[in-house]
PDB file of N, CA and C in Angstrom:
ATOM      1  N   GLN A   1    -161.379  68.964   0.139  1.00  0.00           N
ATOM      2  CA  GLN A   1    -162.024  70.180   0.534  1.00  0.00           C
ATOM      3  C   GLN A   1    -161.482  70.971  -0.492  1.00  0.00           C
ATOM      4  N   VAL A   2    -162.769  71.527  -1.258  1.00  0.00           N
ATOM      5  CA  VAL A   2    -162.266  72.684  -2.294  1.00  0.00           C
ATOM      6  C   VAL A   2    -162.789  74.247  -2.002  1.00  0.00           C
ATOM      7  N   GLN A   3    -161.919  75.345  -1.565  1.00  0.00           N
ATOM      8  CA  GLN A   3    -162.571  76.471  -1.413  1.00  0.00           C
ATOM      9  C   GLN A   3    -162.734  77.670  -2.863  1.00  0.00           C
ATOM     10  N   LEU A   4    -163.898  77.757  -3.020  1.00  0.00           N
ATOM     11  CA  LEU A   4    -163.647  78.834  -4.553  1.00  0.00           C
ATOM     12  C   LEU A   4    -164.100  80.218  -3.891  1.00  0.00           C
ATOM     13  N   VAL A   5    -163.717  81.323  -4.423  1.00  0.00           N
ATOM     14  CA  VAL A   5    -164.274  82.684  -4.225  1.00  0.00           C
ATOM     15  C   VAL A   5    -163.903  83.381  -5.717  1.00  0.00           C
ATOM     16  N   GLU A   6    -164.925  84.039  -5.657  1.00  0.00           N
ATOM     17  CA  GLU A   6    -165.117  84.736  -7.153  1.00  0.00           C
ATOM     18  C   GLU A   6    -165.107  86.315  -6.907  1.00  0.00           C
ATOM     19  N   SER A   7    -164.504  86.761  -7.831  1.00  0.00           N
ATOM     20  CA  SER A   7    -164.257  88.417  -8.244  1.00  0.00           C
ATOM     21  C   SER A   7    -164.538  88.823  -8.946  1.00  0.00           C
ATOM     22  N   GLY A   8    -164.729  89.977  -9.313  1.00  0.00           N
ATOM     23  CA  GLY A   8    -164.409  90.726 -10.213  1.00  0.00           C
ATOM     24  C   GLY A   8    -165.897  91.027 -11.148  1.00  0.00           C
ATOM     25  N   GLY A   9    -167.006  90.892 -10.775  1.00  0.00           N
ATOM     26  CA  GLY A   9    -168.191  91.521 -10.587  1.00  0.00           C
ATOM     27  C   GLY A   9    -168.490  92.786 -10.387  1.00  0.00           C
ATOM     28  N   ALA A  10    -168.985  93.853 -11.443  1.00  0.00           N
ATOM     29  CA  ALA A  10    -169.430  94.795 -11.306  1.00  0.00           C
ATOM     30  C   ALA A  10    -170.558  95.523 -11.855  1.00  0.00           C
ATOM     31  N   LEU A  11    -170.854  97.040 -12.285  1.00  0.00           N
ATOM     32  CA  LEU A  11    -171.721  97.336 -12.855  1.00  0.00           C
ATOM     33  C   LEU A  11    -170.962  97.776 -14.617  1.00  0.00           C
ATOM     34  N   VAL A  12    -171.678  97.080 -15.319  1.00  0.00           N
ATOM     35  CA  VAL A  12    -171.379  97.591 -16.900  1.00  0.00           C
ATOM     36  C   VAL A  12    -172.514  98.047 -17.594  1.00  0.00           C
ATOM     37  N   GLN A  13    -172.224  98.651 -18.149  1.00  0.00           N
ATOM     38  CA  GLN A  13    -172.892  99.647 -19.779  1.00  0.00           C
ATOM     39  C   GLN A  13    -173.191  98.367 -20.760  1.00  0.00           C
ATOM     40  N   PRO A  14    -174.664  98.252 -21.271  1.00  0.00           N
ATOM     41  CA  PRO A  14    -175.071  97.336 -22.488  1.00  0.00           C
ATOM     42  C   PRO A  14    -173.882  97.442 -23.683  1.00  0.00           C
ATOM     43  N   GLY A  15    -173.275  96.061 -23.739  1.00  0.00           N
ATOM     44  CA  GLY A  15    -172.668  96.444 -24.821  1.00  0.00           C
ATOM     45  C   GLY A  15    -171.208  95.984 -24.720  1.00  0.00           C
ATOM     46  N   GLY A  16    -170.650  96.215 -23.321  1.00  0.00           N
ATOM     47  CA  GLY A  16    -169.619  96.037 -22.701  1.00  0.00           C
ATOM     48  C   GLY A  16    -169.132  94.874 -22.585  1.00  0.00           C
ATOM     49  N   SER A  17    -167.950  94.424 -22.021  1.00  0.00           N
ATOM     50  CA  SER A  17    -166.844  93.310 -21.732  1.00  0.00           C
ATOM     51  C   SER A  17    -166.600  93.698 -20.072  1.00  0.00           C
ATOM     52  N   LEU A  18    -166.628  92.172 -19.856  1.00  0.00           N
ATOM     53  CA  LEU A  18    -166.254  92.204 -18.443  1.00  0.00           C
ATOM     54  C   LEU A  18    -165.460  90.392 -18.333  1.00  0.00           C
ATOM     55  N   ARG A  19    -164.737  90.601 -17.309  1.00  0.00           N
ATOM     56  CA  ARG A  19    -163.872  89.020 -17.176  1.00  0.00           C
ATOM     57  C   ARG A  19    -164.195  88.816 -15.327  1.00  0.00           C
ATOM     58  N   ILE A  20    -164.502  87.911 -14.868  1.00  0.00           N
ATOM     59  CA  ILE A  20    -164.898  87.677 -13.749  1.00  0.00           C
ATOM     60  C   ILE A  20    -164.025  86.354 -13.395  1.00  0.00           C
ATOM     61  N   SER A  21    -163.129  86.324 -12.259  1.00  0.00           N
ATOM     62  CA  SER A  21    -162.518  84.974 -11.506  1.00  0.00           C
ATOM     63  C   SER A  21    -163.202  84.664 -10.551  1.00  0.00           C
ATOM     64  N   CYS A  22    -162.597  83.346 -10.218  1.00  0.00           N
ATOM     65  CA  CYS A  22    -162.781  82.250  -9.316  1.00  0.00           C
ATOM     66  C   CYS A  22    -161.362  81.648  -9.153  1.00  0.00           C
ATOM     67  N   GLU A  23    -161.032  82.001  -7.552  1.00  0.00           N
ATOM     68  CA  GLU A  23    -159.781  81.004  -6.980  1.00  0.00           C
ATOM     69  C   GLU A  23    -159.979  80.104  -6.605  1.00  0.00           C
ATOM     70  N   ALA A  24    -159.457  79.398  -6.693  1.00  0.00           N
ATOM     71  CA  ALA A  24    -159.790  77.996  -6.267  1.00  0.00           C
ATOM     72  C   ALA A  24    -158.542  77.739  -5.106  1.00  0.00           C
ATOM     73  N   SER A  25    -158.797  76.658  -3.974  1.00  0.00           N
ATOM     74  CA  SER A  25    -157.393  76.328  -3.177  1.00  0.00           C
ATOM     75  C   SER A  25    -158.464  74.864  -2.393  1.00  0.00           C
ATOM     76  N   GLY A  26    -157.434  74.391  -1.531  1.00  0.00           N
ATOM     77  CA  GLY A  26    -157.667  73.203  -1.044  1.00  0.00           C
ATOM     78  C   GLY A  26    -157.283  72.145  -1.888  1.00  0.00           C
ATOM     79  N   ASP A  27    -158.282  71.158  -1.912  1.00  0.00           N
ATOM     80  CA  ASP A  27    -157.619  69.799  -3.108  1.00  0.00           C
ATOM     81  C   ASP A  27    -157.825  69.982  -4.495  1.00  0.00           C
ATOM     82  N   ILE A  28    -156.846  70.734  -4.730  1.00  0.00           N
ATOM     83  CA  ILE A  28    -157.249  71.191  -6.486  1.00  0.00           C
ATOM     84  C   ILE A  28    -157.154  69.909  -7.476  1.00  0.00           C
ATOM     85  N   ALA A  29    -156.309  68.905  -6.618  1.00  0.00           N
ATOM     86  CA  ALA A  29    -156.358  67.762  -7.462  1.00  0.00           C
ATOM     87  C   ALA A  29    -157.322  67.369  -7.800  1.00  0.00           C
ATOM     88  N   SER A  30    -158.254  67.014  -6.514  1.00  0.00           N
ATOM     89  CA  SER A  30    -159.407  66.393  -6.583  1.00  0.00           C
ATOM     90  C   SER A  30    -160.584  66.756  -7.776  1.00  0.00           C
ATOM     91  N   ILE A  31    -160.283  67.975  -8.450  1.00  0.00           N
ATOM     92  CA  ILE A  31    -161.285  68.227  -8.880  1.00  0.00           C
ATOM     93  C   ILE A  31    -161.653  67.626 -10.627  1.00  0.00           C
ATOM     94  N   ASP A  32    -162.462  67.670 -11.093  1.00  0.00           N
ATOM     95  CA  ASP A  32    -162.660  66.868 -12.330  1.00  0.00           C
ATOM     96  C   ASP A  32    -163.228  68.078 -13.371  1.00  0.00           C
ATOM     97  N   VAL A  33    -164.267  68.482 -12.789  1.00  0.00           N
ATOM     98  CA  VAL A  33    -164.909  69.802 -13.503  1.00  0.00           C
ATOM     99  C   VAL A  33    -165.101  70.703 -13.033  1.00  0.00           C
ATOM    100  N   MET A  34    -164.933  71.885 -13.457  1.00  0.00           N
ATOM    101  CA  MET A  34    -165.221  73.338 -13.054  1.00  0.00           C
ATOM    102  C   MET A  34    -166.622  74.081 -14.030  1.00  0.00           C
ATOM    103  N   ALA A  35    -167.235  74.987 -13.496  1.00  0.00           N
ATOM    104  CA  ALA A  35    -168.013  75.558 -14.278  1.00  0.00           C
ATOM    105  C   ALA A  35    -168.639  76.916 -13.753  1.00  0.00           C
ATOM    106  N   TRP A  36    -169.019  77.924 -14.127  1.00  0.00           N
ATOM    107  CA  TRP A  36    -169.758  78.787 -14.071  1.00  0.00           C
ATOM    108  C   TRP A  36    -171.135  78.561 -14.255  1.00  0.00           C
ATOM    109  N   TYR A  37    -172.375  79.407 -13.159  1.00  0.00           N
ATOM    110  CA  TYR A  37    -173.434  78.815 -12.987  1.00  0.00           C
ATOM    111  C   TYR A  37    -173.754  80.489 -12.542  1.00  0.00           C
ATOM    112  N   ARG A  38    -175.173  81.107 -13.322  1.00  0.00           N
ATOM    113  CA  ARG A  38    -175.600  82.178 -12.957  1.00  0.00           C
ATOM    114  C   ARG A  38    -177.298  82.089 -12.633  1.00  0.00           C
ATOM    115  N   GLN A  39    -177.587  82.930 -11.610  1.00  0.00           N
ATOM    116  CA  GLN A  39    -178.827  82.734 -11.018  1.00  0.00           C
ATOM    117  C   GLN A  39    -179.643  84.612 -10.841  1.00  0.00           C
ATOM    118  N   ALA A  40    -180.571  84.785 -11.487  1.00  0.00           N
ATOM    119  CA  ALA A  40    -181.142  86.208 -11.462  1.00  0.00           C
ATOM    120  C   ALA A  40    -182.205  86.441 -11.037  1.00  0.00           C
ATOM    121  N   PRO A  41    -182.411  87.241 -10.013  1.00  0.00           N
ATOM    122  CA  PRO A  41    -183.620  87.635  -9.067  1.00  0.00           C
ATOM    123  C   PRO A  41    -184.643  86.803  -9.373  1.00  0.00           C
ATOM    124  N   GLY A  42    -185.281  85.591  -8.988  1.00  0.00           N
ATOM    125  CA  GLY A  42    -186.547  85.017  -8.560  1.00  0.00           C
ATOM    126  C   GLY A  42    -186.476  83.936 -10.419  1.00  0.00           C
ATOM    127  N   LYS A  43    -185.498  83.747 -10.925  1.00  0.00           N
ATOM    128  CA  LYS A  43    -184.755  82.782 -11.476  1.00  0.00           C
ATOM    129  C   LYS A  43    -184.219  81.336 -11.108  1.00  0.00           C
ATOM    130  N   GLU A  44    -184.828  80.572 -11.617  1.00  0.00           N
ATOM    131  CA  GLU A  44    -183.693  79.101 -10.981  1.00  0.00           C
ATOM    132  C   GLU A  44    -182.170  79.722 -11.603  1.00  0.00           C
ATOM    133  N   ARG A  45    -181.237  78.832 -11.060  1.00  0.00           N
ATOM    134  CA  ARG A  45    -179.826  79.085 -11.070  1.00  0.00           C
ATOM    135  C   ARG A  45    -179.118  78.270 -12.458  1.00  0.00           C
ATOM    136  N   GLU A  46    -178.386  78.819 -12.985  1.00  0.00           N
ATOM    137  CA  GLU A  46    -178.586  78.015 -14.485  1.00  0.00           C
ATOM    138  C   GLU A  46    -176.854  77.948 -15.383  1.00  0.00           C
ATOM    139  N   LEU A  47    -176.545  77.095 -15.619  1.00  0.00           N
ATOM    140  CA  LEU A  47    -175.539  76.760 -16.459  1.00  0.00           C
ATOM    141  C   LEU A  47    -175.242  77.707 -17.060  1.00  0.00           C
ATOM    142  N   VAL A  48    -173.762  78.115 -17.173  1.00  0.00           N
ATOM    143  CA  VAL A  48    -173.149  79.350 -18.463  1.00  0.00           C
ATOM    144  C   VAL A  48    -171.919  78.900 -19.220  1.00  0.00           C
ATOM    145  N   ALA A  49    -171.253  78.570 -18.425  1.00  0.00           N
ATOM    146  CA  ALA A  49    -170.202  77.330 -19.204  1.00  0.00           C
ATOM    147  C   ALA A  49    -169.377  76.041 -17.960  1.00  0.00           C
ATOM    148  N   SER A  50    -168.944  75.118 -18.695  1.00  0.00           N
ATOM    149  CA  SER A  50    -167.580  74.671 -17.911  1.00  0.00           C
ATOM    150  C   SER A  50    -166.753  73.891 -18.725  1.00  0.00           C
ATOM    151  N   ILE A  51    -165.646  73.550 -18.135  1.00  0.00           N
ATOM    152  CA  ILE A  51    -164.550  73.178 -18.647  1.00  0.00           C
ATOM    153  C   ILE A  51    -163.853  72.064 -17.587  1.00  0.00           C
ATOM    154  N   THR A  52    -163.691  70.939 -18.104  1.00  0.00           N
ATOM    155  CA  THR A  52    -163.468  69.674 -18.158  1.00  0.00           C
ATOM    156  C   THR A  52    -161.549  69.787 -17.591  1.00  0.00           C
ATOM    157  N   ARG A  53    -161.010  68.696 -16.656  1.00  0.00           N
ATOM    158  CA  ARG A  53    -159.957  68.563 -16.428  1.00  0.00           C
ATOM    159  C   ARG A  53    -158.871  68.495 -17.559  1.00  0.00           C
ATOM    160  N   GLY A  54    -159.497  67.644 -18.503  1.00  0.00           N
ATOM    161  CA  GLY A  54    -158.647  67.417 -19.791  1.00  0.00           C
ATOM    162  C   GLY A  54    -158.587  68.869 -20.410  1.00  0.00           C
ATOM    163  N   GLY A  55    -159.665  70.193 -20.035  1.00  0.00           N
ATOM    164  CA  GLY A  55    -159.918  71.344 -21.155  1.00  0.00           C
ATOM    165  C   GLY A  55    -160.584  71.130 -21.712  1.00  0.00           C
ATOM    166  N   ASN A  56    -161.702  70.193 -22.298  1.00  0.00           N
ATOM    167  CA  ASN A  56    -162.929  70.614 -22.669  1.00  0.00           C
ATOM    168  C   ASN A  56    -163.998  71.703 -22.308  1.00  0.00           C
ATOM    169  N   ARG A  57    -164.188  72.585 -23.109  1.00  0.00           N
ATOM    170  CA  ARG A  57    -165.015  73.553 -22.828  1.00  0.00           C
ATOM    171  C   ARG A  57    -166.337  73.444 -23.531  1.00  0.00           C
ATOM    172  N   HIS A  58    -166.790  74.264 -22.635  1.00  0.00           N
ATOM    173  CA  HIS A  58    -168.636  73.900 -23.305  1.00  0.00           C
ATOM    174  C   HIS A  58    -169.168  75.178 -22.762  1.00  0.00           C
ATOM    175  N   SER A  59    -169.833  76.217 -23.599  1.00  0.00           N
ATOM    176  CA  SER A  59    -170.511  77.525 -23.219  1.00  0.00           C
ATOM    177  C   SER A  59    -171.915  77.575 -24.031  1.00  0.00           C
ATOM    178  N   VAL A  60    -172.530  77.733 -22.970  1.00  0.00           N
ATOM    179  CA  VAL A  60    -174.236  77.895 -23.499  1.00  0.00           C
ATOM    180  C   VAL A  60    -174.348  79.413 -24.103  1.00  0.00           C
ATOM    181  N   GLU A  61    -173.307  80.300 -24.025  1.00  0.00           N
ATOM    182  CA  GLU A  61    -173.418  81.671 -24.328  1.00  0.00           C
ATOM    183  C   GLU A  61    -172.421  81.747 -25.389  1.00  0.00           C
ATOM    184  N   SER A  62    -172.493  82.115 -26.856  1.00  0.00           N
ATOM    185  CA  SER A  62    -171.264  82.424 -27.821  1.00  0.00           C
ATOM    186  C   SER A  62    -170.699  83.309 -26.998  1.00  0.00           C
ATOM    187  N   ARG A  63    -171.480  84.352 -26.790  1.00  0.00           N
ATOM    188  CA  ARG A  63    -170.666  85.650 -26.245  1.00  0.00           C
ATOM    189  C   ARG A  63    -169.802  85.186 -25.092  1.00  0.00           C
ATOM    190  N   PHE A  64    -169.497  84.097 -24.190  1.00  0.00           N
ATOM    191  CA  PHE A  64    -168.938  83.900 -22.952  1.00  0.00           C
ATOM    192  C   PHE A  64    -167.785  83.315 -23.447  1.00  0.00           C
ATOM    193  N   THR A  65    -166.775  83.292 -22.852  1.00  0.00           N
ATOM    194  CA  THR A  65    -165.553  82.231 -22.964  1.00  0.00           C
ATOM    195  C   THR A  65    -165.224  82.201 -21.478  1.00  0.00           C
ATOM    196  N   ILE A  66    -165.071  80.816 -21.133  1.00  0.00           N
ATOM    197  CA  ILE A  66    -164.439  80.124 -20.065  1.00  0.00           C
ATOM    198  C   ILE A  66    -163.249  79.579 -20.250  1.00  0.00           C
ATOM    199  N   SER A  67    -162.328  80.219 -19.129  1.00  0.00           N
ATOM    200  CA  SER A  67    -160.807  79.462 -19.828  1.00  0.00           C
ATOM    201  C   SER A  67    -160.324  79.682 -17.909  1.00  0.00           C
ATOM    202  N   ARG A  68    -159.176  79.424 -17.713  1.00  0.00           N
ATOM    203  CA  ARG A  68    -158.335  78.714 -16.382  1.00  0.00           C
ATOM    204  C   ARG A  68    -156.812  78.819 -16.772  1.00  0.00           C
ATOM    205  N   ASP A  69    -156.499  79.534 -15.413  1.00  0.00           N
ATOM    206  CA  ASP A  69    -154.784  79.298 -15.524  1.00  0.00           C
ATOM    207  C   ASP A  69    -154.562  78.641 -14.566  1.00  0.00           C
ATOM    208  N   THR A  70    -153.921  77.357 -14.962  1.00  0.00           N
ATOM    209  CA  THR A  70    -153.661  76.687 -13.765  1.00  0.00           C
ATOM    210  C   THR A  70    -152.486  76.580 -13.090  1.00  0.00           C
ATOM    211  N   SER A  71    -151.616  77.718 -13.313  1.00  0.00           N
ATOM    212  CA  SER A  71    -150.499  78.043 -12.395  1.00  0.00           C
ATOM    213  C   SER A  71    -150.622  78.693 -11.534  1.00  0.00           C
ATOM    214  N   LYS A  72    -152.508  79.636 -11.607  1.00  0.00           N
ATOM    215  CA  LYS A  72    -152.681  80.261 -10.142  1.00  0.00           C
ATOM    216  C   LYS A  72    -154.498  79.814  -9.772  1.00  0.00           C
ATOM    217  N   ASN A  73    -154.272  78.780 -10.370  1.00  0.00           N
ATOM    218  CA  ASN A  73    -155.061  77.800  -9.782  1.00  0.00           C
ATOM    219  C   ASN A  73    -156.899  78.712 -10.069  1.00  0.00           C
ATOM    220  N   THR A  74    -156.939  79.650 -10.990  1.00  0.00           N
ATOM    221  CA  THR A  74    -157.941  80.176 -11.120  1.00  0.00           C
ATOM    222  C   THR A  74    -158.817  80.006 -12.213  1.00  0.00           C
ATOM    223  N   LEU A  75    -160.073  79.985 -12.507  1.00  0.00           N
ATOM    224  CA  LEU A  75    -160.678  80.273 -13.376  1.00  0.00           C
ATOM    225  C   LEU A  75    -161.559  81.210 -13.851  1.00  0.00           C
ATOM    226  N   TYR A  76    -161.465  81.554 -15.176  1.00  0.00           N
ATOM    227  CA  TYR A  76    -162.339  82.726 -15.452  1.00  0.00           C
ATOM    228  C   TYR A  76    -163.170  82.682 -16.561  1.00  0.00           C
ATOM    229  N   LEU A  77    -163.994  83.621 -16.845  1.00  0.00           N
ATOM    230  CA  LEU A  77    -165.188  83.651 -17.544  1.00  0.00           C
ATOM    231  C   LEU A  77    -164.991  85.251 -18.327  1.00  0.00           C
ATOM    232  N   ARG A  78    -164.365  85.131 -19.551  1.00  0.00           N
ATOM    233  CA  ARG A  78    -164.601  86.205 -20.324  1.00  0.00           C
ATOM    234  C   ARG A  78    -166.315  86.536 -20.877  1.00  0.00           C
ATOM    235  N   MET A  79    -166.708  87.854 -20.606  1.00  0.00           N
ATOM    236  CA  MET A  79    -168.381  87.808 -21.119  1.00  0.00           C
ATOM    237  C   MET A  79    -168.245  89.090 -22.069  1.00  0.00           C
ATOM    238  N   ASN A  80    -168.258  89.303 -23.000  1.00  0.00           N
ATOM    239  CA  ASN A  80    -168.967  90.038 -24.274  1.00  0.00           C
ATOM    240  C   ASN A  80    -170.040  90.301 -24.441  1.00  0.00           C
ATOM    241  N   SER A  81    -170.359  91.628 -25.474  1.00  0.00           N
ATOM    242  CA  SER A  81    -171.430  92.355 -26.059  1.00  0.00           C
ATOM    243  C   SER A  81    -172.483  92.255 -24.563  1.00  0.00           C
ATOM    244  N   LEU A  82    -172.485  92.089 -23.603  1.00  0.00           N
ATOM    245  CA  LEU A  82    -173.373  92.366 -22.425  1.00  0.00           C
ATOM    246  C   LEU A  82    -174.866  93.367 -22.385  1.00  0.00           C
ATOM    247  N   ILE A  83    -175.706  92.218 -22.234  1.00  0.00           N
ATOM    248  CA  ILE A  83    -176.831  92.498 -22.501  1.00  0.00           C
ATOM    249  C   ILE A  83    -177.790  92.714 -20.757  1.00  0.00           C
ATOM    250  N   PRO A  84    -178.532  93.671 -20.616  1.00  0.00           N
ATOM    251  CA  PRO A  84    -179.307  93.531 -19.184  1.00  0.00           C
ATOM    252  C   PRO A  84    -179.648  92.141 -18.636  1.00  0.00           C
ATOM    253  N   GLU A  85    -180.371  91.585 -19.850  1.00  0.00           N
ATOM    254  CA  GLU A  85    -180.467  90.195 -19.657  1.00  0.00           C
ATOM    255  C   GLU A  85    -179.212  89.180 -19.058  1.00  0.00           C
ATOM    256  N   ASP A  86    -178.503  89.691 -18.996  1.00  0.00           N
ATOM    257  CA  ASP A  86    -177.116  89.050 -18.264  1.00  0.00           C
ATOM    258  C   ASP A  86    -176.958  88.844 -17.066  1.00  0.00           C
ATOM    259  N   THR A  87    -177.876  90.243 -16.636  1.00  0.00           N
ATOM    260  CA  THR A  87    -177.843  90.678 -14.808  1.00  0.00           C
ATOM    261  C   THR A  87    -177.793  89.567 -13.896  1.00  0.00           C
ATOM    262  N   ALA A  88    -177.217  89.234 -12.890  1.00  0.00           N
ATOM    263  CA  ALA A  88    -177.167  88.094 -12.373  1.00  0.00           C
ATOM    264  C   ALA A  88    -176.063  88.078 -11.127  1.00  0.00           C
ATOM    265  N   ARG A  89    -176.442  87.278 -10.406  1.00  0.00           N
ATOM    266  CA  ARG A  89    -175.039  86.899  -9.390  1.00  0.00           C
ATOM    267  C   ARG A  89    -174.497  85.259 -10.387  1.00  0.00           C
ATOM    268  N   TYR A  90    -172.904  85.720 -10.458  1.00  0.00           N
ATOM    269  CA  TYR A  90    -172.528  84.152 -11.042  1.00  0.00           C
ATOM    270  C   TYR A  90    -171.643  83.582 -10.026  1.00  0.00           C
ATOM    271  N   PHE A  91    -172.000  82.087 -10.352  1.00  0.00           N
ATOM    272  CA  PHE A  91    -171.385  81.096  -9.205  1.00  0.00           C
ATOM    273  C   PHE A  91    -169.899  80.503  -9.702  1.00  0.00           C
ATOM    274  N   CYS A  92    -169.265  80.316  -9.230  1.00  0.00           N
ATOM    275  CA  CYS A  92    -168.463  79.169  -9.521  1.00  0.00           C
ATOM    276  C   CYS A  92    -168.728  77.497  -8.856  1.00  0.00           C
ATOM    277  N   LYS A  93    -168.527  76.580  -9.453  1.00  0.00           N
ATOM    278  CA  LYS A  93    -168.955  75.625  -9.245  1.00  0.00           C
ATOM    279  C   LYS A  93    -167.188  74.128  -9.632  1.00  0.00           C
ATOM    280  N   ALA A  94    -167.261  73.760  -8.731  1.00  0.00           N
ATOM    281  CA  ALA A  94    -166.110  72.742  -8.790  1.00  0.00           C
ATOM    282  C   ALA A  94    -166.672  71.385  -8.387  1.00  0.00           C
ATOM    283  N   VAL A  95    -166.909  70.317  -9.243  1.00  0.00           N
ATOM    284  CA  VAL A  95    -166.701  68.745  -8.963  1.00  0.00           C
ATOM    285  C   VAL A  95    -166.085  68.128  -8.993  1.00  0.00           C
ATOM    286  N   SER A  96    -165.583  67.047  -8.250  1.00  0.00           N
ATOM    287  CA  SER A  96    -164.690  66.402  -7.953  1.00  0.00           C
ATOM    288  C   SER A  96    -164.583  64.766  -8.778  1.00  0.00           C
ATOM    289  N   ARG A  97    -163.818  64.021  -8.229  1.00  0.00           N
ATOM    290  CA  ARG A  97    -163.903  63.164  -9.452  1.00  0.00           C
ATOM    291  C   ARG A  97    -164.980  61.807  -8.620  1.00  0.00           C
ATOM    292  N   THR A  98    -165.156  62.156  -7.123  1.00  0.00           N
ATOM    293  CA  THR A  98    -166.208  61.545  -6.507  1.00  0.00           C
ATOM    294  C   THR A  98    -167.494  61.839  -6.710  1.00  0.00           C
ATOM    295  N   ALA A  99    -167.879  63.145  -7.750  1.00  0.00           N
ATOM    296  CA  ALA A  99    -169.314  63.786  -7.308  1.00  0.00           C
ATOM    297  C   ALA A  99    -169.403  64.522  -6.565  1.00  0.00           C
ATOM    298  N   ARG A 100    -168.734  64.975  -5.712  1.00  0.00           N
ATOM    299  CA  ARG A 100    -168.642  66.215  -4.650  1.00  0.00           C
ATOM    300  C   ARG A 100    -168.600  67.323  -5.118  1.00  0.00           C
ATOM    301  N   GLU A 101    -169.621  68.051  -5.247  1.00  0.00           N
ATOM    302  CA  GLU A 101    -169.832  69.672  -5.417  1.00  0.00           C
ATOM    303  C   GLU A 101    -169.536  70.492  -4.613  1.00  0.00           C
ATOM    304  N   TYR A 102    -168.850  71.349  -4.823  1.00  0.00           N
ATOM    305  CA  TYR A 102    -168.112  72.860  -4.096  1.00  0.00           C
ATOM    306  C   TYR A 102    -168.726  73.992  -5.260  1.00  0.00           C
ATOM    307  N   TRP A 103    -169.446  75.690  -3.994  1.00  0.00           N
ATOM    308  CA  TRP A 103    -169.384  76.247  -4.804  1.00  0.00           C
ATOM    309  C   TRP A 103    -168.830  77.347  -3.869  1.00  0.00           C
ATOM    310  N   GLY A 104    -168.602  78.586  -4.569  1.00  0.00           N
ATOM    311  CA  GLY A 104    -168.217  79.908  -4.074  1.00  0.00           C
ATOM    312  C   GLY A 104    -169.462  80.546  -3.986  1.00  0.00           C
ATOM    313  N   GLN A 105    -169.333  81.517  -3.342  1.00  0.00           N
ATOM    314  CA  GLN A 105    -170.610  82.259  -2.583  1.00  0.00           C
ATOM    315  C   GLN A 105    -170.762  83.239  -4.023  1.00  0.00           C
ATOM    316  N   GLY A 106    -170.169  83.808  -4.875  1.00  0.00           N
ATOM    317  CA  GLY A 106    -171.014  84.107  -6.374  1.00  0.00           C
ATOM    318  C   GLY A 106    -170.496  85.711  -6.273  1.00  0.00           C
ATOM    319  N   THR A 107    -170.399  86.359  -7.358  1.00  0.00           N
ATOM    320  CA  THR A 107    -169.634  87.705  -8.082  1.00  0.00           C
ATOM    321  C   THR A 107    -171.389  88.484  -8.511  1.00  0.00           C
ATOM    322  N   GLN A 108    -171.674  89.416  -8.294  1.00  0.00           N
ATOM    323  CA  GLN A 108    -172.680  90.074  -9.231  1.00  0.00           C
ATOM    324  C   GLN A 108    -172.407  91.138 -10.246  1.00  0.00           C
ATOM    325  N   VAL A 109    -173.108  90.473 -11.154  1.00  0.00           N
ATOM    326  CA  VAL A 109    -172.686  91.518 -12.478  1.00  0.00           C
ATOM    327  C   VAL A 109    -173.947  91.941 -12.971  1.00  0.00           C
ATOM    328  N   THR A 110    -173.737  93.442 -13.099  1.00  0.00           N
ATOM    329  CA  THR A 110    -175.391  94.038 -13.551  1.00  0.00           C
ATOM    330  C   THR A 110    -174.777  95.192 -14.026  1.00  0.00           C
ATOM    331  N   VAL A 111    -175.704  94.733 -15.213  1.00  0.00           N
ATOM    332  CA  VAL A 111    -175.585  95.222 -16.936  1.00  0.00           C
ATOM    333  C   VAL A 111    -176.704  96.488 -16.734  1.00  0.00           C
ATOM    334  N   SER A 112    -176.211  97.494 -16.767  1.00  0.00           N
ATOM    335  CA  SER A 112    -177.263  98.731 -17.171  1.00  0.00           C
ATOM    336  C   SER A 112    -176.354 100.077 -17.206  1.00  0.00           C
ATOM    337  N   SER A 113    -177.232 101.068 -18.321  1.00  0.00           N
ATOM    338  CA  SER A 113    -177.310 102.000 -18.532  1.00  0.00           C
ATOM    339  C   SER A 113    -177.556 103.198 -17.134  1.00  0.00           C
TER     340      SER A 113
END
């Protein structure tokens, strides 16, 4: 079992930056891939960025950077040049080597003046 807890969501002005976090606990050694997703009201959940156990990163948005601190079992998403369309609930996901998926409860990011 893996538990994920996101934090750091906030109200941010357009053009601003924000870093959100996801702390993992439990069977950390079983995790193969971690990712950030987001879901805006009335829209489907969509992939934002991912990172593999080996450190290979993928980001859908060039403004967003995924990173991790293995000493803290924490995943981060740094978001720059935020726009109102980035407003969504951001979720952390972990996928184990056996393809089992774990999700956190999400953290709300609102971009508005």
